[in-house]
Protein backbone atom coordinates (compact mmCIF):
# COMPACT_ATOMS: atom_id res chain seq x y z
CA MET A 1 0.10 0.33 -0.04
CA PRO A 2 2.88 2.84 -1.22
CA GLU A 3 0.62 5.60 -1.27
CA LEU A 4 -1.25 4.65 2.19
CA TYR A 5 2.10 4.57 3.25
CA LYS A 6 3.48 8.12 2.31
CA GLU A 7 -0.45 9.68 3.32
CA LEU A 8 0.73 8.13 6.87
CA PHE A 9 4.19 9.35 6.61
CA GLU A 10 3.01 13.00 6.15
CA PHE A 11 0.60 12.55 8.76
CA GLN A 12 3.33 11.60 11.19
CA LYS A 13 5.72 14.64 9.73
CA ARG A 14 3.01 17.04 10.58
CA LEU A 15 2.01 15.73 14.39
CA GLU A 16 5.70 15.93 14.77
CA ALA A 17 6.04 19.76 13.58
CA HIS A 18 2.38 20.81 15.37
CA TYR A 19 3.57 18.86 18.79
CA ARG A 20 6.94 19.38 18.68
CA ASP A 21 8.21 15.95 19.80
CA MET A 22 8.68 11.96 18.60
CA GLN A 23 5.26 10.85 18.63
CA ASP A 24 3.76 7.45 19.73
CA ILE A 25 0.73 7.06 16.54
CA GLU A 26 -2.17 4.81 16.49
CA PHE A 27 -3.87 4.39 13.11
CA THR A 28 -6.00 1.90 11.31
CA ILE A 29 -6.79 1.03 7.17
CA GLU A 30 -9.81 -0.30 6.88
CA LYS A 31 -11.06 -1.19 2.94
CA GLY A 32 -8.07 0.50 1.61
CA LYS A 33 -8.76 3.90 3.39
CA LEU A 34 -6.09 5.66 6.65
CA TYR A 35 -7.73 6.18 10.26
CA MET A 36 -5.95 8.34 12.37
CA LEU A 37 -6.88 6.96 15.82
CA GLN A 38 -4.80 8.90 18.26
CA CYS A 39 -0.73 10.69 19.40
CA ARG A 40 0.92 11.02 22.36
CA VAL A 41 4.80 11.62 23.34
CA GLY A 42 6.67 8.84 22.35
CA LYS A 43 8.31 6.95 25.48
CA ARG A 44 12.30 7.42 24.73
CA ASN A 45 15.58 5.34 26.35
CA GLY A 46 18.67 8.12 27.96
CA VAL A 47 20.39 7.39 23.97
CA ALA A 48 17.20 8.10 22.08
CA ALA A 49 15.67 11.19 24.22
CA VAL A 50 19.87 13.09 23.71
CA ARG A 51 19.72 12.41 20.05
CA MET A 52 15.55 13.60 19.77
CA ALA A 53 16.62 16.56 21.81
CA THR A 54 19.90 17.65 19.81
CA GLU A 55 18.37 17.41 16.12
CA MET A 56 15.21 19.05 16.81
CA HIS A 57 17.02 21.80 18.53
CA ALA A 58 19.43 21.97 15.28
CA GLU A 59 16.24 22.11 12.88
CA LYS A 60 14.46 24.50 14.71
CA LEU A 61 11.38 23.00 15.64
CA ILE A 62 12.29 23.42 19.74
CA ASP A 63 14.67 26.35 21.27
CA MET A 64 17.41 25.43 23.36
CA LYS A 65 15.85 25.35 26.72
CA THR A 66 12.91 23.04 25.20
CA ALA A 67 15.82 20.90 24.36
CA VAL A 68 17.61 20.98 27.67
CA MET A 69 14.64 20.05 29.38
CA ARG A 70 13.32 17.25 27.26
CA VAL A 71 16.39 15.23 28.80
CA ALA A 72 15.75 13.84 32.33
CA PRO A 73 18.95 13.71 33.95
CA ASN A 74 19.64 10.12 35.15
CA GLN A 75 18.90 9.09 31.29
CA LEU A 76 22.33 10.18 30.99
CA VAL A 77 23.36 7.46 33.24
CA GLU A 78 23.05 4.91 29.54
CA LEU A 79 25.65 7.17 27.66
CA LEU A 80 28.15 7.87 30.02
CA LEU A 81 28.41 4.13 32.10
CA PRO A 82 28.11 0.45 30.64
CA MET A 83 24.57 -0.92 31.26
CA LEU A 84 23.34 -4.59 30.82
CA ASP A 85 21.67 -5.62 27.78
CA PRO A 86 18.08 -4.17 28.58
CA LYS A 87 16.52 -6.75 26.41
CA ILE A 88 18.67 -9.92 27.84
CA GLU A 89 17.74 -8.47 31.46
CA LEU A 90 13.81 -8.14 30.69
CA ILE A 91 13.61 -11.76 30.27
CA THR A 92 15.55 -12.58 32.95
CA LYS A 93 15.07 -12.99 36.98
CA SER A 94 16.96 -11.55 39.80
CA ILE A 95 18.41 -13.49 42.44
CA ALA A 96 18.87 -10.58 44.75
CA LYS A 97 18.08 -6.53 45.30
CA GLY A 98 20.01 -3.99 47.37
CA LEU A 99 20.79 -0.63 47.39
CA PRO A 100 21.94 1.19 43.94
CA ALA A 101 25.04 2.84 45.13
CA GLY A 102 26.60 3.44 41.70
CA PRO A 103 25.28 3.15 38.59
CA GLY A 104 25.65 1.05 35.34
CA GLY A 105 26.23 -2.59 34.79
CA ALA A 106 28.98 -5.37 35.09
CA LYS A 107 29.73 -8.51 35.10
CA GLY A 108 32.28 -10.93 36.54
CA ARG A 109 33.39 -13.70 38.71
CA VAL A 110 32.39 -13.84 42.56
CA VAL A 111 35.76 -13.28 44.71
CA LEU A 112 34.76 -12.66 48.54
CA SER A 113 37.87 -10.97 49.76
CA SER A 114 40.11 -8.05 48.29
CA GLN A 115 43.47 -10.04 48.10
CA ASP A 116 41.76 -12.74 45.67
CA ALA A 117 40.28 -9.77 43.79
CA VAL A 118 44.05 -8.84 42.91
CA ALA A 119 45.13 -11.75 42.80
CA TRP A 120 42.32 -13.58 40.23
CA ALA A 121 43.06 -9.71 38.14
CA LYS A 122 46.53 -10.26 37.79
CA LYS A 123 45.31 -13.45 35.96
CA GLY A 124 43.02 -11.47 33.24
CA GLU A 125 39.68 -12.56 35.22
CA LYS A 126 37.04 -9.92 35.80
CA VAL A 127 35.96 -9.82 39.14
CA ILE A 128 32.88 -8.83 41.25
CA LEU A 129 34.24 -8.29 45.09
CA VAL A 130 31.43 -9.38 47.62
CA ARG A 131 31.79 -8.62 51.00
CA GLU A 132 30.18 -7.85 54.34
CA GLU A 133 31.28 -4.36 53.78
CA THR A 134 34.70 -2.86 53.07
CA SER A 135 37.14 -0.59 54.30
CA PRO A 136 39.87 1.43 53.32
CA GLU A 137 42.57 -1.69 53.47
CA ASP A 138 39.92 -2.98 50.72
CA VAL A 139 41.13 -0.74 48.36
CA ASP A 140 43.05 -2.34 46.14
CA GLY A 141 40.89 -4.98 45.17
CA MET A 142 37.91 -2.59 44.78
CA HIS A 143 39.91 -1.18 42.52
CA LYS A 144 40.58 -4.34 40.51
CA SER A 145 37.13 -5.21 40.28
CA ALA A 146 34.71 -4.58 38.01
CA ALA A 147 32.23 -4.00 41.05
CA ILE A 148 31.09 -4.60 44.02
CA LEU A 149 28.16 -5.88 46.34
CA THR A 150 28.19 -5.83 50.01
CA THR A 151 25.81 -6.82 52.61
CA LYS A 152 25.52 -3.64 54.91
CA GLY A 153 26.27 -0.52 54.06
CA GLY A 154 24.16 2.28 52.76
CA MET A 155 24.20 5.34 49.98
CA THR A 156 27.36 6.88 51.63
CA SER A 157 28.70 3.67 52.91
CA HIS A 158 32.77 3.67 51.86
CA ALA A 159 31.89 1.01 49.58
CA ALA A 160 29.24 3.60 47.70
CA LEU A 161 31.40 6.67 48.13
CA VAL A 162 34.80 4.86 46.34
CA ALA A 163 32.43 3.37 43.52
CA ARG A 164 30.85 6.65 42.41
CA GLY A 165 33.99 8.17 42.59
CA TRP A 166 35.48 5.44 39.84
CA GLY A 167 32.25 5.02 38.10
CA LYS A 168 32.69 1.81 39.19
CA CYS A 169 29.07 -0.32 39.70
CA CYS A 170 28.14 -1.06 43.16
CA ILE A 171 25.64 -2.17 45.19
CA VAL A 172 25.66 -1.97 49.10
CA GLY A 173 23.40 -3.07 52.11
CA CYS A 174 22.09 -6.04 49.88
CA GLY A 175 20.55 -7.86 52.69
CA ASP A 176 19.37 -10.90 50.40
CA ILE A 177 22.57 -12.31 50.67
CA GLU A 178 24.35 -14.40 53.41
CA ILE A 179 28.04 -14.92 52.97
CA ASN A 180 29.74 -18.04 53.88
CA HIS A 181 33.38 -17.90 54.18
CA ASP A 182 34.54 -20.54 55.17
CA ALA A 183 32.83 -22.22 52.34
CA LYS A 184 33.40 -19.90 50.01
CA THR A 185 29.58 -19.33 49.06
CA PHE A 186 27.14 -17.13 49.66
CA LYS A 187 23.49 -17.82 49.25
CA THR A 188 20.29 -15.57 48.52
CA LYS A 189 16.80 -15.18 50.20
CA ASN A 190 15.25 -17.75 47.43
CA GLY A 191 18.13 -20.55 47.92
CA ALA A 192 20.50 -19.82 45.36
CA ILE A 193 23.96 -21.06 46.09
CA ILE A 194 26.80 -18.70 44.42
CA HIS A 195 30.50 -20.24 44.55
CA GLU A 196 33.85 -18.19 44.97
CA GLY A 197 34.22 -17.82 40.68
CA ASP A 198 30.53 -18.22 39.36
CA TRP A 199 29.92 -15.36 37.30
CA LEU A 200 27.05 -12.80 38.74
CA SER A 201 25.99 -9.80 36.76
CA LEU A 202 24.89 -6.37 38.42
CA ASN A 203 22.28 -3.40 37.71
CA GLY A 204 23.90 -1.28 39.98
CA THR A 205 21.43 1.38 38.54
CA LYS A 206 18.18 -0.33 40.05
CA GLY A 207 20.34 -2.30 42.80
CA LEU A 208 19.36 -5.59 40.75
CA VAL A 209 22.11 -8.96 41.18
CA TYR A 210 21.75 -11.68 38.39
CA GLU A 211 23.35 -14.98 38.21
CA GLY A 212 25.44 -15.44 35.22
CA SER A 213 27.03 -13.27 32.67
CA MET A 214 24.72 -10.89 31.10
CA ALA A 215 25.75 -8.85 27.73
CA LEU A 216 26.99 -5.52 28.13
CA VAL A 217 26.35 -2.55 26.25
CA ALA A 218 28.20 0.94 26.21
CA ILE A 219 28.47 4.29 24.03
CA ASP A 220 31.33 5.91 22.98
CA LEU A 221 30.99 9.25 24.24
CA ASP A 222 34.36 10.26 21.87
CA LYS A 223 32.12 9.51 18.69
CA ASN A 224 28.67 10.65 20.02
CA GLN A 225 28.06 13.99 18.74
CA SER A 226 24.62 14.27 19.89
CA TYR A 227 25.60 14.37 23.77
CA LYS A 228 28.41 16.77 22.88
CA ASP A 229 25.88 19.47 21.81
CA LEU A 230 23.26 18.93 23.97
CA MET A 231 26.50 19.37 26.65
CA LYS A 232 26.98 22.66 24.75
CA LEU A 233 23.13 23.75 25.36
CA VAL A 234 23.29 22.93 28.48
CA ASP A 235 26.98 25.02 29.41
CA LYS A 236 25.11 27.95 27.91
CA VAL A 237 21.53 27.94 29.84
CA LYS A 238 22.58 27.26 33.79
CA VAL A 239 24.07 29.57 36.29
CA MET A 240 25.62 27.10 39.21
CA GLY A 241 28.98 25.99 38.94
CA VAL A 242 29.88 22.24 39.11
CA ARG A 243 32.99 20.53 40.35
CA ALA A 244 33.98 16.93 41.19
CA ASN A 245 34.82 15.20 44.42
CA ALA A 246 38.65 13.52 43.98
CA GLU A 247 40.86 11.28 45.31
CA THR A 248 43.91 10.81 43.29
CA PRO A 249 45.40 13.59 40.04
CA GLU A 250 43.35 10.78 37.86
CA ASP A 251 40.51 11.42 39.35
CA ALA A 252 41.06 15.39 38.44
CA ALA A 253 41.65 14.49 35.08
CA GLN A 254 38.79 12.42 34.68
CA ALA A 255 36.51 14.72 36.37
CA LEU A 256 37.88 17.74 33.32
CA LYS A 257 36.52 15.17 30.73
CA PHE A 258 33.54 15.46 32.22
CA GLY A 259 33.07 19.46 32.28
CA ALA A 260 34.19 20.01 36.23
CA GLU A 261 35.01 23.67 36.56
CA GLY A 262 37.02 22.74 39.57
CA ILE A 263 37.45 20.18 42.62
CA GLY A 264 35.03 20.83 45.14
CA LEU A 265 36.72 17.75 47.76
CA PHE A 266 40.18 16.55 47.68
CA ARG A 267 40.66 13.92 49.73
CA THR A 268 44.18 13.35 50.64
CA GLU A 269 43.94 10.43 52.81
CA HIS A 270 42.49 8.22 50.03
CA MET A 271 46.58 8.80 48.68
CA PHE A 272 47.41 6.08 51.74
CA TYR A 273 45.92 3.40 49.79
CA GLY A 274 46.45 1.39 46.07
CA GLU A 275 49.19 1.45 43.96
CA GLY A 276 52.06 3.54 45.16
CA GLY A 277 50.59 3.67 48.97
CA GLU A 278 52.15 1.56 51.06
CA GLN A 279 54.82 3.65 51.97
CA PRO A 280 52.59 7.14 52.66
CA LEU A 281 50.19 4.05 54.20
CA PHE A 282 53.59 3.09 56.46
CA LEU A 283 54.65 6.53 57.88
CA LEU A 284 51.08 8.02 58.67
CA ARG A 285 50.69 4.70 60.96
CA LYS A 286 53.74 5.50 62.36
CA MET A 287 52.49 9.03 63.26
CA ILE A 288 49.76 7.58 64.39
CA VAL A 289 50.98 5.17 66.80
CA SER A 290 53.80 7.69 67.84
CA LYS A 291 53.59 8.37 71.75
CA SER A 292 55.65 11.78 72.00
CA GLU A 293 55.42 14.94 69.87
CA LYS A 294 59.47 14.36 69.13
CA GLU A 295 58.18 10.56 67.30
CA ARG A 296 55.26 12.29 65.63
CA LYS A 297 57.06 15.24 64.08
CA GLY A 298 59.32 13.17 62.01
CA ALA A 299 57.11 10.54 60.95
CA LEU A 300 54.62 13.93 59.48
CA ASN A 301 58.55 15.31 58.02
CA GLU A 302 59.17 12.14 56.15
CA LEU A 303 54.97 12.17 55.20
CA TYR A 304 55.29 15.53 53.69
CA LYS A 305 56.85 15.08 50.18
CA TYR A 306 54.59 12.42 49.87
CA VAL A 307 51.55 14.64 50.50
CA LYS A 308 53.27 17.77 48.43
CA GLU A 309 53.46 15.69 45.54
CA ASP A 310 49.74 14.29 45.70
CA VAL A 311 48.54 17.90 45.93
CA LYS A 312 51.19 19.60 43.27
CA ASP A 313 50.10 17.18 40.53
CA THR A 314 46.49 17.75 41.07
CA LEU A 315 46.63 21.34 41.19
CA ARG A 316 48.86 21.11 37.99
CA VAL A 317 45.97 18.71 36.40
CA MET A 318 43.55 21.77 37.25
CA ASN A 319 45.71 24.33 35.96
CA GLY A 320 44.58 26.94 38.17
CA ARG A 321 40.94 26.34 39.16
CA PRO A 322 39.97 25.84 42.22
CA VAL A 323 40.93 22.62 43.97
CA THR A 324 39.21 22.35 47.92
CA ILE A 325 42.10 20.36 49.53
CA ARG A 326 40.00 18.88 52.91
CA LEU A 327 42.22 18.47 55.57
CA LEU A 328 42.42 15.17 57.37
CA ASP A 329 39.27 13.58 58.07
CA PRO A 330 38.93 10.08 58.93
CA PRO A 331 39.12 8.44 62.79
CA LEU A 332 42.96 7.17 63.23
CA HIS A 333 41.94 3.66 64.07
CA GLU A 334 40.75 3.45 60.35
CA PHE A 335 44.65 3.79 59.65
CA VAL A 336 45.84 1.26 62.00
CA PRO A 337 47.49 -1.80 61.07
CA HIS A 338 45.42 -5.33 62.35
CA ASP A 339 47.97 -7.47 60.08
CA LYS A 340 50.90 -9.63 62.52
CA GLU A 341 53.48 -9.07 60.08
CA LYS A 342 52.98 -5.22 59.69
CA LEU A 343 52.81 -4.58 63.33
CA LEU A 344 55.95 -6.53 63.72
CA GLU A 345 57.51 -4.12 61.27
CA LEU A 346 56.00 -0.91 62.74
CA SER A 347 57.40 -2.01 66.25
CA ARG A 348 60.61 -2.95 65.04
CA VAL A 349 60.75 0.59 63.11
CA LEU A 350 59.45 2.45 66.12
CA GLY A 351 62.10 0.33 68.89
CA ILE A 352 59.51 -0.45 71.12
CA SER A 353 57.94 -3.87 71.21
CA ILE A 354 54.98 -5.64 69.79
CA SER A 355 53.08 -5.47 73.55
CA VAL A 356 53.87 -1.42 74.16
CA LEU A 357 52.57 -1.38 70.04
CA LYS A 358 49.53 -3.28 70.95
CA ARG A 359 48.67 -0.86 74.01
CA ARG A 360 48.75 2.47 71.60
CA VAL A 361 46.54 0.75 69.51
CA ILE A 362 44.10 -0.35 71.80
CA ALA A 363 43.98 3.06 73.13
CA LEU A 364 42.80 4.45 69.66
CA HIS A 365 39.55 2.71 69.80
CA GLU A 366 36.47 4.99 70.17
CA ASN A 367 33.01 3.17 70.69
CA ASN A 368 31.55 5.85 68.75
CA PRO A 369 34.54 6.75 65.87
CA MET A 370 32.32 9.02 63.31
CA LEU A 371 31.25 11.47 66.54
CA GLY A 372 34.59 10.75 67.66
CA HIS A 373 38.57 11.96 66.89
CA ARG A 374 38.41 12.84 63.51
CA GLY A 375 38.24 16.15 61.51
CA VAL A 376 39.68 19.60 63.20
CA ARG A 377 39.41 17.82 66.57
CA LEU A 378 42.97 16.26 65.27
CA GLY A 379 44.12 19.50 64.12
CA ILE A 380 44.11 20.69 67.86
CA SER A 381 44.94 17.96 69.74
CA TYR A 382 47.91 17.38 67.08
CA PRO A 383 48.31 21.26 65.84
CA GLU A 384 51.75 19.69 63.54
CA ILE A 385 49.26 17.18 62.04
CA THR A 386 47.50 20.49 60.09
CA GLU A 387 51.17 22.55 59.90
CA MET A 388 52.40 19.74 57.71
CA GLN A 389 49.20 19.44 55.37
CA VAL A 390 48.97 22.92 55.02
CA LYS A 391 52.73 23.90 54.25
CA ALA A 392 52.67 21.15 51.66
CA ILE A 393 49.41 22.58 50.22
CA LEU A 394 51.21 26.05 50.17
CA GLU A 395 54.46 24.79 49.00
CA ALA A 396 52.80 22.72 46.24
CA ALA A 397 51.08 25.79 44.94
CA ALA A 398 54.09 27.75 45.73
CA GLU A 399 56.30 25.60 43.81
CA LEU A 400 53.94 25.71 40.72
CA ILE A 401 53.17 29.25 41.09
CA LYS A 402 57.40 29.92 40.70
CA ALA A 403 57.49 27.16 37.50
CA GLY A 404 54.96 29.51 35.49
CA GLU A 405 52.19 27.71 35.86
CA LYS A 406 48.54 28.15 37.67
CA ALA A 407 47.49 27.46 40.98
CA LEU A 408 44.34 27.97 43.35
CA PRO A 409 44.04 26.00 46.11
CA GLU A 410 41.35 26.20 49.29
CA ILE A 411 42.12 24.64 52.11
CA MET A 412 39.40 23.16 54.09
CA VAL A 413 38.53 22.15 57.87
CA PRO A 414 35.76 19.69 58.22
CA VAL A 415 33.80 18.32 61.52
CA THR A 416 33.89 22.03 62.53
CA CYS A 417 30.93 23.41 65.38
CA THR A 418 32.42 26.14 66.57
CA PHE A 419 33.96 29.62 65.54
CA ASN A 420 36.78 28.96 68.20
CA GLU A 421 37.67 25.60 66.32
CA LEU A 422 38.36 27.78 63.26
CA SER A 423 39.96 30.30 64.25
CA HIS A 424 42.70 28.15 66.20
CA GLN A 425 43.74 26.14 62.50
CA LYS A 426 43.90 30.02 61.02
CA LYS A 427 46.58 31.04 63.43
CA ILE A 428 48.52 27.79 62.40
CA VAL A 429 47.76 28.48 58.46
CA ASP A 430 48.46 31.91 58.82
CA GLN A 431 51.48 31.36 60.33
CA VAL A 432 52.23 28.80 57.58
CA TYR A 433 51.71 31.33 54.93
CA LYS A 434 53.71 33.56 55.87
CA GLU A 435 56.57 31.11 56.27
CA VAL A 436 55.81 29.83 52.36
CA CYS A 437 55.74 33.04 50.90
CA GLU A 438 58.71 34.54 52.28
CA LYS A 439 60.86 31.38 51.39
CA HIS A 440 59.11 31.63 47.83
CA LYS A 441 59.79 35.18 47.86
CA LEU A 442 55.92 35.30 46.59
CA LYS A 443 53.99 38.47 47.90
CA LYS A 444 51.04 36.28 47.75
CA ILE A 445 49.56 32.92 47.15
CA PRO A 446 45.90 32.60 45.83
CA CYS A 447 44.22 30.95 48.53
CA LEU A 448 41.12 30.42 50.56
CA TYR A 449 40.62 29.08 53.56
CA GLY A 450 36.85 27.87 54.58
CA THR A 451 35.41 24.63 56.30
CA MET A 452 32.79 22.14 55.66
CA ILE A 453 29.41 22.63 57.49
CA GLU A 454 28.57 19.09 58.42
CA THR A 455 27.35 19.52 61.63
CA PRO A 456 23.98 21.02 63.06
CA ARG A 457 25.77 23.32 65.28
CA ALA A 458 27.84 24.31 62.62
CA ALA A 459 24.87 25.32 60.13
CA ILE A 460 22.97 27.29 63.50
CA ARG A 461 25.96 29.36 64.49
CA ALA A 462 27.29 29.95 60.77
CA GLY A 463 26.96 33.64 61.05
CA LEU A 464 29.81 33.87 63.50
CA MET A 465 32.05 31.24 61.25
CA ALA A 466 31.75 33.23 58.45
CA GLN A 467 33.78 36.14 60.27
CA VAL A 468 36.98 33.63 59.61
CA ALA A 469 35.71 31.91 56.49
CA ASP A 470 35.92 32.27 52.79
CA PHE A 471 34.00 30.08 51.96
CA PHE A 472 31.33 27.02 53.11
CA SER A 473 30.83 23.78 51.77
CA TYR A 474 28.39 21.30 52.93
CA GLY A 475 29.33 17.66 53.86
CA THR A 476 25.96 16.89 53.28
CA ASN A 477 26.46 13.20 53.91
CA ASP A 478 27.71 13.80 57.21
CA LEU A 479 24.96 16.65 58.38
CA THR A 480 22.22 14.18 57.17
CA GLN A 481 23.80 11.69 59.78
CA MET A 482 23.83 13.59 62.68
CA SER A 483 20.66 15.03 61.71
CA PHE A 484 18.45 12.40 61.13
CA GLY A 485 20.34 10.23 64.00
CA PHE A 486 20.90 7.51 60.99
CA SER A 487 24.23 5.73 61.07
CA ARG A 488 24.61 5.90 57.44
CA ASP A 489 27.11 2.71 57.19
CA ASP A 490 24.14 1.08 58.96
CA ILE A 491 20.76 2.36 57.05
CA GLY A 492 20.68 -0.45 54.99
CA GLY A 493 19.04 -2.93 58.01
CA PHE A 494 15.78 -0.60 58.19
CA LEU A 495 16.02 2.15 55.59
CA PRO A 496 13.47 -0.55 52.84
CA LYS A 497 10.96 -0.85 55.37
CA TYR A 498 10.70 2.85 55.86
CA LEU A 499 10.26 3.24 52.39
CA ASP A 500 7.70 0.65 51.45
CA LEU A 501 5.49 1.77 54.27
CA LYS A 502 6.53 5.40 53.30
CA ILE A 503 7.57 6.14 57.00
CA LEU A 504 10.30 8.56 54.28
CA PRO A 505 9.48 9.77 50.85
CA TYR A 506 12.82 8.54 49.92
CA ASP A 507 16.99 7.94 51.25
CA PRO A 508 18.10 11.32 52.94
CA PHE A 509 21.30 9.80 51.91
CA GLN A 510 20.51 9.85 48.02
CA THR A 511 17.96 13.31 48.03
CA ILE A 512 18.09 16.53 50.45
CA ASP A 513 15.84 16.09 52.72
CA THR A 514 14.26 19.50 52.32
CA ASP A 515 11.87 19.91 55.14
CA GLY A 516 14.37 19.16 57.85
CA ILE A 517 18.44 18.88 56.42
CA GLY A 518 17.24 21.31 53.88
CA GLU A 519 16.63 24.12 56.63
CA LEU A 520 19.96 24.23 57.98
CA ILE A 521 21.29 24.56 54.46
CA ARG A 522 18.85 27.68 54.13
CA MET A 523 20.15 28.76 57.32
CA GLY A 524 23.57 28.36 57.27
CA ILE A 525 23.86 30.18 53.96
CA GLU A 526 21.64 33.41 55.16
CA ARG A 527 23.07 33.98 58.40
CA GLY A 528 26.80 33.26 56.39
CA ARG A 529 25.76 35.56 53.98
CA GLN A 530 24.54 38.42 56.05
CA VAL A 531 28.41 38.49 57.58
CA LYS A 532 29.91 38.29 54.62
CA PRO A 533 28.09 39.12 51.32
CA LYS A 534 30.20 37.35 48.84
CA LEU A 535 30.64 34.19 50.74
CA LYS A 536 31.67 31.13 48.76
CA VAL A 537 29.19 28.68 49.20
CA GLY A 538 28.73 25.05 47.83
CA ILE A 539 28.23 21.32 48.38
CA CYS A 540 30.70 18.09 48.29
CA GLY A 541 28.23 15.62 50.16
CA GLU A 542 27.29 12.64 47.11
CA HIS A 543 23.68 14.93 46.96
CA GLY A 544 25.89 17.48 44.98
CA GLY A 545 25.39 14.55 42.09
CA ASP A 546 21.90 14.36 42.45
CA PRO A 547 19.41 16.39 40.07
CA ASP A 548 16.46 17.01 42.98
CA SER A 549 19.36 18.22 45.28
CA VAL A 550 21.10 19.73 42.26
CA LYS A 551 18.02 22.13 42.05
CA PHE A 552 17.34 22.87 44.97
CA CYS A 553 20.89 23.68 45.70
CA HIS A 554 20.51 26.28 42.98
CA ARG A 555 17.07 27.86 44.99
CA LEU A 556 19.09 28.43 47.40
CA GLY A 557 21.64 30.81 45.57
CA MET A 558 24.41 28.29 46.42
CA ASP A 559 27.81 28.94 43.83
CA TYR A 560 28.49 25.43 43.02
CA VAL A 561 27.70 21.41 43.57
CA SER A 562 30.29 19.29 43.83
CA CYS A 563 30.00 15.53 42.86
CA SER A 564 31.83 12.09 41.23
CA PRO A 565 33.36 13.07 38.50
CA PHE A 566 31.00 10.18 36.26
CA ARG A 567 28.21 12.28 37.90
CA VAL A 568 29.36 15.90 36.21
CA PRO A 569 27.43 15.53 33.81
CA ILE A 570 23.99 14.74 35.00
CA ALA A 571 24.77 17.64 37.21
CA ARG A 572 25.53 19.66 34.71
CA LEU A 573 22.25 18.74 33.06
CA ALA A 574 19.68 19.54 36.38
CA ALA A 575 21.76 23.00 37.20
CA ALA A 576 20.82 24.07 33.71
CA GLN A 577 16.84 22.72 34.36
CA ALA A 578 17.28 24.03 37.38
CA ALA A 579 18.53 28.00 35.65
CA ILE A 580 15.10 27.70 33.42
CA GLU A 581 12.47 25.91 36.11
CA PHE A 582 13.19 28.80 38.43
């Protein structure tokens, strides 16, 4: 029926031009006559949504703002990360479900320890690391794995944060599985038993676990012109800046590729794990278990060069873009060795018996470490720790500037709750700043001094904090944890029930709780800018990559949001849509 086909084709062109969008049309042919029944906006996946929006804009069918609004930010995940083949997934039943901590898809063979992940990867095997939970000591194995699956933890647990930073597929809080390390298996709620070495496939976007090896599909962004065209439109529209959270110079380089305008959170402590981190980690441990100031300073002096080089490499990559460097934050016990051989080596270097060393390690134990001796509290207890880090940051910047390169570090003090803490640390920063300028014969080193607002008291007392801070960066992971009284590592035990019963409308560690946490943020910004109108304000918690949270930050007048490198395009699109909507 070539004539009827031609007629139908003209109708669909007219409908698309009239509605200015792709149409799903229904028709019938009866006795040689075409009847149009109805039409509606057609559904589309992420890849198609980006292509349609940019091509319709190029054809002048829609304007720039309409094109930007046509793509849901989370649809970009389909372009940014590999996905399980949706056709196969549609006909496959999952064996377990957890929290979708790291989007994308992955497949690999099951391993139950980080050491096995490293060993299997060396043999060329693709592996999925399955653990109850992860710690900094697991970083090597996590890095070598195609994906991570944990039975415990929430959206801001260690596994979730590290995986998202790398753009790695990750499911956490998967209470549907039970690990048996002796048998090297895990059992699912429906009775399936998976052995070490068996193939597993994960959908990190939905939190689904599948048995077996499923096909993956991926998009080459470098060859995807539609994506490039969309991002050009996004950058013309958005007002708020988008930075990235980074842990290494490599992370920073990846962030730049995704369009980051700076680093909103550079976590120095992650340099102590992974490849090349053995010696810095040993020196950090030496500093932690030191009993006297002299011992501690000796270890810090050795550690200084590693911190400086790490910071310098990152500042060089960012080439004058702002890099917010958080001073040492985690509780010290996280870095203490538990391995007998490492303890023996440490006791030998320190010249003390193993029994004395063990007593020092036990003395570091805290009942509630996340509310304990960490962040600014370390810098106040041991000023030499702050001094070493600040010296490393400023020396790195000074060396780059003298070499004709650009550097813009921002020193961020974490976990503050009072003006006096900030003032105490500022004196150390000012003294080191003066010494470094004199040493390098520089009139000034571009640098800002600020704090991470992650305690409710800091938000309430923000006006006073702004008297000494050049910027605020909201650490919404901890702010949510402290305000709700929810442990972000243990929330998986009860959160699914809260969501099922609608006690909470969504996971507050995924999307900012605007009624509670949002009010603290709003209050802090208003009080801070009353004192310092040009106070720079951003967010560096994981909410910085959540579209709804990004739009909330725009409404509050933040200068930027910061998120994992692979979520930067999502945040950019959400920021552009916020500029259009509000």
